N, C-alpha and C. Protein backbone atom coordinates (compact mmCIF):
# COMPACT_ATOMS: atom_id res chain seq x y z
N UNK A 1 -120.73 112.84 201.34
CA UNK A 1 -120.95 114.13 201.50
C UNK A 1 -119.90 114.91 200.55
N UNK A 2 -118.70 114.41 200.49
CA UNK A 2 -117.75 115.09 199.56
C UNK A 2 -118.31 115.16 198.06
N UNK A 3 -118.83 114.13 197.66
CA UNK A 3 -119.30 113.92 196.29
C UNK A 3 -120.43 114.94 196.03
N UNK A 4 -121.35 115.16 196.96
CA UNK A 4 -122.42 116.01 196.86
C UNK A 4 -121.92 117.43 196.73
N UNK A 5 -121.02 117.73 197.60
CA UNK A 5 -120.45 119.15 197.70
C UNK A 5 -119.77 119.51 196.48
N UNK A 6 -118.94 118.51 195.94
CA UNK A 6 -118.23 118.80 194.67
C UNK A 6 -119.16 119.00 193.53
N UNK A 7 -120.13 118.19 193.44
CA UNK A 7 -121.08 118.25 192.38
C UNK A 7 -121.87 119.59 192.38
N UNK A 8 -122.17 120.02 193.58
CA UNK A 8 -122.76 121.36 193.68
C UNK A 8 -121.83 122.44 193.22
N UNK A 9 -120.53 122.31 193.67
CA UNK A 9 -119.63 123.26 193.27
C UNK A 9 -119.45 123.35 191.74
N UNK A 10 -119.42 122.21 191.06
CA UNK A 10 -119.35 122.20 189.60
C UNK A 10 -120.49 122.93 188.99
N UNK A 11 -121.65 122.67 189.39
CA UNK A 11 -122.82 123.17 188.91
C UNK A 11 -122.82 124.75 189.15
N UNK A 12 -122.41 125.16 190.35
CA UNK A 12 -122.39 126.63 190.56
C UNK A 12 -121.32 127.35 189.81
N UNK A 13 -120.18 126.60 189.63
CA UNK A 13 -119.07 127.23 188.84
C UNK A 13 -119.56 127.29 187.38
N UNK A 14 -120.25 126.26 186.91
CA UNK A 14 -120.71 126.21 185.51
C UNK A 14 -121.68 127.42 185.28
N UNK A 15 -122.62 127.68 186.27
CA UNK A 15 -123.57 128.71 186.06
C UNK A 15 -122.86 130.06 186.10
N UNK A 16 -121.97 130.31 187.09
CA UNK A 16 -121.25 131.48 187.15
C UNK A 16 -120.37 131.79 185.83
N UNK A 17 -119.62 130.82 185.43
CA UNK A 17 -118.78 130.90 184.17
C UNK A 17 -119.78 131.22 182.97
N UNK A 18 -120.83 130.48 182.90
CA UNK A 18 -121.78 130.79 181.76
C UNK A 18 -122.17 132.22 181.74
N UNK A 19 -122.63 132.76 182.89
CA UNK A 19 -123.06 134.17 182.91
C UNK A 19 -121.92 135.07 182.60
N UNK A 20 -120.71 134.78 183.16
CA UNK A 20 -119.55 135.70 182.95
C UNK A 20 -119.03 135.66 181.56
N UNK A 21 -119.12 134.59 180.84
CA UNK A 21 -118.53 134.45 179.55
C UNK A 21 -119.50 134.63 178.34
N UNK A 22 -120.74 134.57 178.71
CA UNK A 22 -121.79 134.82 177.62
C UNK A 22 -121.55 136.01 176.82
N UNK A 23 -121.13 137.19 177.41
CA UNK A 23 -121.04 138.30 176.52
C UNK A 23 -119.93 138.15 175.37
N UNK A 24 -119.10 137.19 175.63
CA UNK A 24 -117.91 136.93 174.75
C UNK A 24 -118.37 135.75 173.81
N UNK A 25 -119.54 135.37 173.77
CA UNK A 25 -120.10 134.22 173.01
C UNK A 25 -119.38 132.89 173.31
N UNK A 26 -118.99 132.90 174.58
CA UNK A 26 -118.42 131.55 174.97
C UNK A 26 -119.46 130.86 175.83
N UNK A 27 -119.83 129.62 175.44
CA UNK A 27 -120.71 128.74 176.20
C UNK A 27 -120.05 127.83 177.05
N UNK A 28 -120.72 127.71 178.30
CA UNK A 28 -120.11 126.86 179.27
C UNK A 28 -121.26 125.90 179.72
N UNK A 29 -121.16 124.49 179.72
CA UNK A 29 -122.16 123.60 180.00
C UNK A 29 -121.55 122.49 180.82
N UNK A 30 -122.38 121.88 181.58
CA UNK A 30 -121.99 120.73 182.44
C UNK A 30 -123.01 119.67 182.38
N UNK A 31 -122.74 118.40 182.46
CA UNK A 31 -123.67 117.34 182.56
C UNK A 31 -123.55 116.79 184.04
N UNK A 32 -124.58 116.62 184.63
CA UNK A 32 -124.60 116.27 186.13
C UNK A 32 -125.62 115.04 186.33
N UNK A 33 -125.30 113.91 185.91
CA UNK A 33 -126.18 112.81 185.95
C UNK A 33 -126.32 112.36 187.52
N UNK A 34 -127.51 111.73 187.73
CA UNK A 34 -127.74 111.27 189.03
C UNK A 34 -127.18 109.82 189.11
N UNK A 35 -127.54 109.06 189.94
CA UNK A 35 -127.10 107.64 190.14
C UNK A 35 -127.23 106.92 188.79
N UNK A 36 -126.14 106.38 188.31
CA UNK A 36 -126.16 105.64 187.05
C UNK A 36 -125.79 104.23 187.20
N UNK A 37 -126.31 103.42 186.49
CA UNK A 37 -126.07 101.91 186.63
C UNK A 37 -124.65 101.61 185.96
N UNK A 38 -123.61 101.76 186.74
CA UNK A 38 -122.27 101.46 186.50
C UNK A 38 -121.64 100.70 187.54
N UNK A 39 -120.33 100.26 187.38
CA UNK A 39 -119.79 99.47 188.35
C UNK A 39 -119.59 100.23 189.68
N UNK A 40 -119.55 101.50 189.71
CA UNK A 40 -119.31 102.32 190.92
C UNK A 40 -120.36 102.00 191.99
N UNK A 41 -121.68 102.20 191.72
CA UNK A 41 -122.72 102.04 192.68
C UNK A 41 -122.88 100.51 192.97
N UNK A 42 -122.52 99.61 192.08
CA UNK A 42 -122.74 98.15 192.25
C UNK A 42 -121.66 97.61 193.15
N UNK A 43 -120.51 98.20 193.26
CA UNK A 43 -119.43 97.65 194.01
C UNK A 43 -119.78 97.63 195.53
N UNK A 44 -119.89 96.41 196.04
CA UNK A 44 -120.27 96.23 197.53
C UNK A 44 -121.69 96.45 197.80
N UNK A 45 -122.54 96.55 196.88
CA UNK A 45 -123.92 96.71 197.16
C UNK A 45 -124.70 95.45 196.52
N UNK A 46 -125.64 95.03 197.26
CA UNK A 46 -126.54 93.93 196.83
C UNK A 46 -127.62 94.45 195.96
N UNK A 47 -128.26 93.58 195.21
CA UNK A 47 -129.42 94.04 194.31
C UNK A 47 -130.53 94.61 195.36
N UNK A 48 -130.68 94.08 196.43
CA UNK A 48 -131.76 94.57 197.42
C UNK A 48 -131.36 96.04 197.81
N UNK A 49 -130.00 96.22 198.10
CA UNK A 49 -129.62 97.66 198.51
C UNK A 49 -129.73 98.61 197.40
N UNK A 50 -129.40 98.15 196.21
CA UNK A 50 -129.62 98.98 194.98
C UNK A 50 -131.09 99.37 194.76
N UNK A 51 -131.92 98.35 195.02
CA UNK A 51 -133.41 98.59 194.83
C UNK A 51 -133.89 99.61 195.87
N UNK A 52 -133.39 99.56 197.02
CA UNK A 52 -133.72 100.53 198.12
C UNK A 52 -133.33 101.92 197.74
N UNK A 53 -132.04 102.05 197.20
CA UNK A 53 -131.55 103.38 196.77
C UNK A 53 -132.42 103.88 195.62
N UNK A 54 -132.81 103.03 194.68
CA UNK A 54 -133.49 103.45 193.55
C UNK A 54 -134.86 104.00 193.89
N UNK A 55 -135.43 103.52 195.04
CA UNK A 55 -136.79 104.06 195.56
C UNK A 55 -136.69 105.53 195.81
N UNK A 56 -135.58 106.05 196.07
CA UNK A 56 -135.46 107.52 196.36
C UNK A 56 -135.21 108.40 195.20
N UNK A 57 -135.06 107.70 194.07
CA UNK A 57 -134.89 108.40 192.71
C UNK A 57 -136.29 108.69 192.19
N UNK A 58 -136.44 109.82 191.73
CA UNK A 58 -137.83 110.20 191.11
C UNK A 58 -138.40 109.09 190.16
N UNK A 59 -137.56 108.62 189.36
CA UNK A 59 -138.05 107.66 188.28
C UNK A 59 -138.06 106.28 188.83
N UNK A 60 -137.54 106.02 190.04
CA UNK A 60 -137.59 104.78 190.77
C UNK A 60 -136.58 103.74 190.23
N UNK A 61 -135.58 104.25 189.60
CA UNK A 61 -134.50 103.44 189.03
C UNK A 61 -133.26 104.23 188.66
N UNK A 62 -132.01 103.59 188.59
CA UNK A 62 -130.89 104.25 188.17
C UNK A 62 -130.84 104.56 186.75
N UNK A 63 -130.27 105.60 186.41
CA UNK A 63 -130.12 105.96 184.98
C UNK A 63 -129.17 104.92 184.24
N UNK A 64 -129.37 104.74 182.99
CA UNK A 64 -128.54 103.88 182.28
C UNK A 64 -127.49 104.66 181.38
N UNK A 65 -126.26 104.26 181.27
CA UNK A 65 -125.24 104.98 180.68
C UNK A 65 -125.74 105.58 179.29
N UNK A 66 -126.46 104.76 178.56
CA UNK A 66 -126.93 105.32 177.21
C UNK A 66 -127.83 106.57 177.31
N UNK A 67 -128.55 106.63 178.44
CA UNK A 67 -129.28 107.88 178.70
C UNK A 67 -128.44 109.04 178.94
N UNK A 68 -127.29 108.89 179.60
CA UNK A 68 -126.44 109.95 179.77
C UNK A 68 -125.82 110.50 178.37
N UNK A 69 -125.50 109.48 177.53
CA UNK A 69 -124.97 109.83 176.13
C UNK A 69 -126.05 110.60 175.43
N UNK A 70 -127.21 110.17 175.55
CA UNK A 70 -128.28 111.00 174.86
C UNK A 70 -128.39 112.45 175.38
N UNK A 71 -128.18 112.53 176.71
CA UNK A 71 -128.14 113.85 177.33
C UNK A 71 -127.11 114.78 176.75
N UNK A 72 -125.86 114.09 176.68
CA UNK A 72 -124.71 114.90 176.13
C UNK A 72 -124.99 115.26 174.59
N UNK A 73 -125.64 114.40 173.94
CA UNK A 73 -125.94 114.73 172.48
C UNK A 73 -126.99 115.82 172.50
N UNK A 74 -127.93 115.81 173.34
CA UNK A 74 -128.94 116.85 173.44
C UNK A 74 -128.28 118.19 173.69
N UNK A 75 -127.35 118.20 174.69
CA UNK A 75 -126.73 119.52 174.99
C UNK A 75 -125.92 120.02 173.77
N UNK A 76 -125.30 119.13 172.96
CA UNK A 76 -124.61 119.56 171.74
C UNK A 76 -125.68 120.20 170.80
N UNK A 77 -126.86 119.66 170.67
CA UNK A 77 -127.78 120.20 169.72
C UNK A 77 -128.35 121.55 170.26
N UNK A 78 -128.67 121.68 171.58
CA UNK A 78 -129.13 122.87 172.18
C UNK A 78 -128.05 123.98 172.13
N UNK A 79 -126.79 123.64 172.19
CA UNK A 79 -125.69 124.57 172.20
C UNK A 79 -125.72 125.24 170.84
N UNK A 80 -126.14 124.60 169.91
CA UNK A 80 -126.10 125.27 168.52
C UNK A 80 -127.11 126.43 168.46
N UNK A 81 -127.99 126.38 169.36
CA UNK A 81 -129.03 127.49 169.52
C UNK A 81 -128.68 128.53 170.39
N UNK A 82 -127.55 128.36 171.10
CA UNK A 82 -127.15 129.42 172.11
C UNK A 82 -127.26 129.24 173.52
N UNK A 83 -127.77 127.96 173.97
CA UNK A 83 -127.94 127.77 175.34
C UNK A 83 -126.56 127.68 176.11
N UNK A 84 -126.56 128.06 177.32
CA UNK A 84 -125.40 128.02 178.13
C UNK A 84 -125.83 127.86 179.65
N UNK A 85 -125.05 127.24 180.35
CA UNK A 85 -125.35 126.95 181.88
C UNK A 85 -125.42 125.53 182.11
N UNK A 86 -125.61 125.14 183.38
CA UNK A 86 -125.59 123.81 183.82
C UNK A 86 -126.81 122.97 183.31
N UNK A 87 -126.52 121.78 183.05
CA UNK A 87 -127.63 120.83 182.56
C UNK A 87 -127.54 119.48 183.35
N UNK A 88 -128.68 118.97 183.55
CA UNK A 88 -128.76 117.75 184.37
C UNK A 88 -129.43 116.65 183.51
N UNK A 89 -129.14 115.43 183.68
CA UNK A 89 -129.76 114.34 183.01
C UNK A 89 -130.41 113.34 184.04
N UNK A 90 -131.25 112.54 183.57
CA UNK A 90 -131.98 111.65 184.52
C UNK A 90 -130.97 110.82 185.35
């Protein structure tokens, strides 16, 4: 519960700061990946449990760290064009 609340807070803060600072040409962005295949979700979870969790994800699988890196690179490219606000990755 705490994780979900803090993630929502970061996205809301990012959106508010992006709107507030845009007139000063300051961009504010955040990356908010979903469940990612790292040590954290694997700790204490069996492959069967992870498979059950993955069923609730729209793509039916955990994101891979390389996908998050591509998302960050994408935000860098979009920012050159003036985008600001929260961003999510798979």
